[in-house]
Amino acid sequence: MKWIRSIQKTVLVTGATGFIGKALCDYLSENGFKIRALSRQTVLSINEKNNIEWVVGDIAKPQTLLNTCDGIDIVFHLAGYAHAFEEENPAFETLHQQVNHQGTVNILHASIRSRVKRFIYFSSVKACAASDMCVDETWEQKPTDAYGLAKREAEDAVLSLCKENNIVPIILRSTLVYGVGVKGNLAAMLKGLEKGYFPTPPPIANHKSMVSSQDLCRVALLAATVEKPRYHIFIVTDGVAYSTTKIVQMMRIALRKRKSIIYCPLWIWIGLAKVGDLGQRILGKRLPINTQAIKKLFSSAAYCSQYIKNELQFEPQFTLQDVLPFMVMKKGND
């Protein structure tokens, strides 16, 4: 397998202020890339120490992207609207389309105008329908939720527009990402366990795939430097099948708590979810525990990285157990 030299390459990172975007900017800088970082708000004009130039632009507003890709060799596109639970709300469907789909098209057109050579899109396994089985890149069943559909449509746009304009496309379908500074469900679980209000789940044998932010950054670098990839879509995991119970017990150990041998039965979780549903209807806002959240907590989402090992020679270096102590340490210093 041939690789392109990374030194002196100038790259654009969209979504550079996010959890993964920040880590990627640091990682690429450490590996010799000159970085232009896109943010919707002014951050810094130039950061000489990290070799990062900050520019202001909004992927949902194409007029702000006119010169963003000038002089850029590779685009790492991470900017997007995060998955929301309020799928029944038409406003959220519109946001997913405007940002995740059309926003990707907008940055693609900016890349085409500036003759970018490679476009690396950070997608999600949610771009395909959920499955009870462990699936790989050959699983192409379309999703039905607004977030997944927008991501899938964005993937299709990347593949078609790049092919038409002689740009190398690579799509990274990430599983759930963990690491220092993570937000969302994993951060909420850690906080709940630390404060003592998150009960231990029952020993249900579900399986979830995840990947560390460090390994995802390594994959991005490999995707940027492989010369002629045969495949264009890669699922990224750390190769471990985690159950919800296992995740909670590992978090307890990282928090220096004893493993719990007493768990909250599933019927109580379901009851709490129904109470949360009722509370949402009364208060008009989403609560931490509801039917959708509990379903997600105990469902399986298992994936196999079939292509990435063969094509990019990727072997994960971290697991959740390795990284959790650093996540807890950072949390304690905030």
Foldseek 3Di string as FASTA:
>chain_A
DAWAQLAAAEEEEEPCPDPLNVVLLQVSLVRHYQYEYEDQDDDDQADVVSNYGYDHDALLDLVRLQCVCASHQEYEYDDADDDDPVQVDVVVLVRLQSGLASSLVSVLVSCLVRVHAEYEYEAAPLLADFDQDAEEPVRHHGHDTSNNVRRVNSVVSQVVSCVVRNHHAAYEHEFAEDFAPDDDPLVVLLVCVLVVNDFQAPPAPAWGFHAYSVLVSVLVVLVVIQDDFPDRYWYDGQPDTDALNNSNQLSCVLSVHHRDPDGDYPVVLQVVQPVQVVVCVVVVDHDCRHPVNSCVSHHHGHYDGDVCCVGRVRHGDDDCSRRSNVNVVSVVVD
